């Protein structure tokens, strides 16, 4: 089994604290997929920007279609979405 060191929300400081606080405002909590990026806040921020661009930016796909694609891929990978 793999183990990845992360920084818990209670221990976050500086830029990471800001990113975690924004995650709580957005989703009510800091999901583990975000905590996996906690050791590199710059990459964490870039990942969130990519996500926002893909899910909320201009696209021929509707938001519903994008969410459906994400659910199908997560299901195929046996991941909870």
N, C-alpha and C. Protein backbone atom coordinates (compact mmCIF):
# COMPACT_ATOMS: atom_id res chain seq x y z
N UNK A 1 0.84 -1.18 0.00
CA UNK A 1 0.00 0.00 0.00
C UNK A 1 0.89 1.24 0.00
N UNK A 2 0.52 2.22 -0.81
CA UNK A 2 1.28 3.46 -0.88
C UNK A 2 0.91 4.38 0.27
N UNK A 3 1.84 5.23 0.61
CA UNK A 3 1.59 6.23 1.64
C UNK A 3 2.18 7.54 1.16
N UNK A 4 1.38 8.56 1.17
CA UNK A 4 1.83 9.88 0.73
C UNK A 4 1.67 10.84 1.89
N UNK A 5 2.75 11.52 2.24
CA UNK A 5 2.70 12.50 3.31
C UNK A 5 1.90 13.72 2.84
N UNK A 6 1.03 14.19 3.69
CA UNK A 6 0.22 15.38 3.39
C UNK A 6 0.24 16.31 4.60
N UNK A 7 -0.23 17.50 4.38
CA UNK A 7 -0.39 18.47 5.46
C UNK A 7 -1.89 18.59 5.74
N UNK A 8 -2.27 18.26 6.94
CA UNK A 8 -3.68 18.30 7.34
C UNK A 8 -4.18 19.75 7.36
N UNK A 9 -5.46 19.95 7.12
CA UNK A 9 -6.01 21.31 7.15
C UNK A 9 -5.69 22.05 8.45
N UNK A 10 -5.72 21.38 9.57
CA UNK A 10 -5.44 22.03 10.86
C UNK A 10 -4.00 22.52 10.96
N UNK A 11 -3.09 21.94 10.18
CA UNK A 11 -1.67 22.28 10.25
C UNK A 11 -1.21 23.21 9.12
N UNK A 12 -2.10 23.55 8.23
CA UNK A 12 -1.73 24.36 7.06
C UNK A 12 -1.41 25.80 7.46
N UNK A 13 -0.46 26.38 6.75
CA UNK A 13 -0.06 27.77 6.98
C UNK A 13 0.14 28.46 5.63
N UNK A 14 0.13 29.78 5.66
CA UNK A 14 0.45 30.57 4.48
C UNK A 14 -0.46 30.30 3.29
N UNK A 15 0.16 30.13 2.12
CA UNK A 15 -0.59 29.92 0.88
C UNK A 15 -1.46 28.66 0.97
N UNK A 16 -0.93 27.61 1.57
CA UNK A 16 -1.72 26.38 1.69
C UNK A 16 -2.96 26.61 2.54
N UNK A 17 -2.83 27.36 3.61
CA UNK A 17 -3.99 27.69 4.46
C UNK A 17 -5.05 28.42 3.63
N UNK A 18 -4.61 29.36 2.79
CA UNK A 18 -5.55 30.09 1.92
C UNK A 18 -6.26 29.15 0.95
N UNK A 19 -5.51 28.21 0.37
CA UNK A 19 -6.10 27.25 -0.56
C UNK A 19 -7.10 26.34 0.15
N UNK A 20 -6.74 25.88 1.34
CA UNK A 20 -7.66 25.04 2.11
C UNK A 20 -8.90 25.83 2.52
N UNK A 21 -8.73 27.06 2.95
CA UNK A 21 -9.89 27.87 3.35
C UNK A 21 -10.84 28.07 2.16
N UNK A 22 -10.27 28.30 0.98
CA UNK A 22 -11.09 28.45 -0.22
C UNK A 22 -11.83 27.14 -0.54
N UNK A 23 -11.16 26.01 -0.34
CA UNK A 23 -11.80 24.72 -0.58
C UNK A 23 -12.98 24.52 0.36
N UNK A 24 -12.82 24.91 1.61
CA UNK A 24 -13.92 24.78 2.58
C UNK A 24 -15.08 25.69 2.18
N UNK A 25 -14.78 26.90 1.75
CA UNK A 25 -15.86 27.81 1.31
C UNK A 25 -16.59 27.23 0.09
N UNK A 26 -15.85 26.60 -0.80
CA UNK A 26 -16.40 26.08 -2.04
C UNK A 26 -17.17 24.77 -1.82
N UNK A 27 -16.61 23.87 -1.02
CA UNK A 27 -17.17 22.52 -0.94
C UNK A 27 -17.53 22.07 0.48
N UNK A 28 -17.27 22.93 1.47
CA UNK A 28 -17.61 22.57 2.84
C UNK A 28 -16.55 21.76 3.55
N UNK A 29 -15.50 21.36 2.84
CA UNK A 29 -14.40 20.59 3.43
C UNK A 29 -13.23 20.55 2.46
N UNK A 30 -12.11 20.00 2.91
CA UNK A 30 -10.93 19.84 2.07
C UNK A 30 -10.84 18.36 1.70
N UNK A 31 -11.19 18.04 0.48
CA UNK A 31 -11.16 16.64 0.05
C UNK A 31 -9.74 16.13 -0.02
N UNK A 32 -9.60 14.81 0.16
CA UNK A 32 -8.27 14.20 0.18
C UNK A 32 -7.51 14.40 -1.12
N UNK A 33 -8.20 14.44 -2.26
CA UNK A 33 -7.51 14.67 -3.53
C UNK A 33 -6.77 16.00 -3.51
N UNK A 34 -7.30 16.97 -2.79
CA UNK A 34 -6.61 18.26 -2.65
C UNK A 34 -5.47 18.16 -1.65
N UNK A 35 -5.68 17.44 -0.56
CA UNK A 35 -4.63 17.29 0.44
C UNK A 35 -3.40 16.58 -0.13
N UNK A 36 -3.61 15.75 -1.13
CA UNK A 36 -2.46 15.07 -1.77
C UNK A 36 -1.49 16.06 -2.40
N UNK A 37 -1.96 17.25 -2.70
CA UNK A 37 -1.14 18.27 -3.34
C UNK A 37 -0.58 19.27 -2.33
N UNK A 38 -0.76 19.01 -1.06
CA UNK A 38 -0.45 19.98 -0.02
C UNK A 38 1.04 20.31 0.12
N UNK A 39 1.93 19.43 -0.30
CA UNK A 39 3.36 19.71 -0.16
C UNK A 39 3.87 20.70 -1.20
N UNK A 40 3.06 20.99 -2.22
CA UNK A 40 3.46 21.92 -3.26
C UNK A 40 2.29 22.86 -3.55
N UNK A 41 2.11 23.91 -2.75
CA UNK A 41 0.97 24.81 -2.93
C UNK A 41 0.90 25.44 -4.33
N UNK A 42 2.05 25.68 -4.96
CA UNK A 42 2.04 26.24 -6.32
C UNK A 42 1.39 25.29 -7.31
N UNK A 43 1.73 24.02 -7.22
CA UNK A 43 1.12 23.02 -8.09
C UNK A 43 -0.36 22.84 -7.73
N UNK A 44 -0.67 22.91 -6.46
CA UNK A 44 -2.05 22.82 -5.97
C UNK A 44 -2.88 23.93 -6.62
N UNK A 45 -2.38 25.15 -6.55
CA UNK A 45 -3.09 26.29 -7.13
C UNK A 45 -3.27 26.11 -8.64
N UNK A 46 -2.21 25.68 -9.33
CA UNK A 46 -2.28 25.47 -10.78
C UNK A 46 -3.30 24.38 -11.12
N UNK A 47 -3.34 23.33 -10.31
CA UNK A 47 -4.30 22.25 -10.53
C UNK A 47 -5.73 22.76 -10.39
N UNK A 48 -5.98 23.60 -9.40
CA UNK A 48 -7.32 24.17 -9.23
C UNK A 48 -7.69 25.07 -10.40
N UNK A 49 -6.74 25.83 -10.89
CA UNK A 49 -7.01 26.70 -12.04
C UNK A 49 -7.34 25.87 -13.28
N UNK A 50 -6.62 24.76 -13.48
CA UNK A 50 -6.92 23.88 -14.60
C UNK A 50 -8.32 23.30 -14.45
N UNK A 51 -8.65 22.83 -13.26
CA UNK A 51 -9.98 22.28 -13.00
C UNK A 51 -11.06 23.33 -13.31
N UNK A 52 -10.88 24.53 -12.80
CA UNK A 52 -11.89 25.58 -13.02
C UNK A 52 -12.04 25.89 -14.51
N UNK A 53 -10.93 25.91 -15.21
CA UNK A 53 -10.97 26.18 -16.65
C UNK A 53 -11.71 25.07 -17.39
N UNK A 54 -11.41 23.83 -17.05
CA UNK A 54 -12.05 22.70 -17.72
C UNK A 54 -13.54 22.58 -17.39
N UNK A 55 -13.89 22.81 -16.14
CA UNK A 55 -15.27 22.59 -15.72
C UNK A 55 -16.17 23.82 -15.85
N UNK A 56 -15.58 25.01 -15.82
CA UNK A 56 -16.40 26.23 -15.84
C UNK A 56 -16.12 27.14 -17.03
N UNK A 57 -15.05 26.89 -17.76
CA UNK A 57 -14.67 27.75 -18.87
C UNK A 57 -15.48 27.45 -20.12
N UNK A 58 -15.26 28.24 -21.15
CA UNK A 58 -15.96 28.03 -22.42
C UNK A 58 -15.71 26.61 -22.95
N UNK A 59 -16.75 25.98 -23.46
CA UNK A 59 -16.64 24.62 -23.97
C UNK A 59 -17.87 24.28 -24.79
N UNK A 60 -17.71 23.41 -25.80
CA UNK A 60 -18.91 22.95 -26.51
C UNK A 60 -19.75 22.00 -25.65
N UNK A 61 -19.18 21.51 -24.55
CA UNK A 61 -19.92 20.64 -23.63
C UNK A 61 -20.59 21.47 -22.55
N UNK A 62 -21.79 21.06 -22.16
CA UNK A 62 -22.47 21.73 -21.05
C UNK A 62 -21.79 21.34 -19.74
N UNK A 63 -22.08 22.08 -18.70
CA UNK A 63 -21.55 21.73 -17.38
C UNK A 63 -22.01 20.33 -16.98
N UNK A 64 -23.24 20.02 -17.28
CA UNK A 64 -23.79 18.69 -16.97
C UNK A 64 -23.00 17.59 -17.69
N UNK A 65 -22.70 17.80 -18.96
CA UNK A 65 -21.94 16.81 -19.72
C UNK A 65 -20.52 16.65 -19.17
N UNK A 66 -19.91 17.74 -18.75
CA UNK A 66 -18.57 17.67 -18.17
C UNK A 66 -18.59 16.89 -16.87
N UNK A 67 -19.59 17.15 -16.02
CA UNK A 67 -19.71 16.42 -14.75
C UNK A 67 -19.97 14.94 -15.02
N UNK A 68 -20.79 14.65 -16.01
CA UNK A 68 -21.07 13.26 -16.35
C UNK A 68 -19.80 12.54 -16.79
N UNK A 69 -18.98 13.19 -17.61
CA UNK A 69 -17.72 12.60 -18.04
C UNK A 69 -16.82 12.32 -16.83
N UNK A 70 -16.76 13.25 -15.90
CA UNK A 70 -15.94 13.07 -14.69
C UNK A 70 -16.44 11.89 -13.86
N UNK A 71 -17.75 11.75 -13.74
CA UNK A 71 -18.33 10.64 -12.98
C UNK A 71 -18.01 9.31 -13.66
N UNK A 72 -18.16 9.25 -14.98
CA UNK A 72 -17.90 8.01 -15.71
C UNK A 72 -16.43 7.59 -15.58
N UNK A 73 -15.52 8.55 -15.71
CA UNK A 73 -14.10 8.24 -15.58
C UNK A 73 -13.78 7.78 -14.15
N UNK A 74 -14.34 8.47 -13.17
CA UNK A 74 -14.12 8.07 -11.77
C UNK A 74 -14.64 6.66 -11.52
N UNK A 75 -15.79 6.38 -12.04
CA UNK A 75 -16.38 5.04 -11.88
C UNK A 75 -15.50 3.98 -12.55
N UNK A 76 -15.04 4.27 -13.76
CA UNK A 76 -14.17 3.32 -14.46
C UNK A 76 -12.88 3.07 -13.69
N UNK A 77 -12.40 4.09 -12.98
CA UNK A 77 -11.17 3.97 -12.17
C UNK A 77 -11.44 3.50 -10.75
N UNK A 78 -12.70 3.18 -10.46
CA UNK A 78 -13.11 2.74 -9.12
C UNK A 78 -12.79 3.78 -8.05
N UNK A 79 -12.99 5.03 -8.42
CA UNK A 79 -12.76 6.14 -7.49
C UNK A 79 -14.10 6.76 -7.12
N UNK A 80 -14.24 7.17 -5.87
CA UNK A 80 -15.42 7.91 -5.45
C UNK A 80 -15.32 9.32 -6.00
N UNK A 81 -16.33 9.78 -6.69
CA UNK A 81 -16.31 11.11 -7.28
C UNK A 81 -16.88 12.11 -6.32
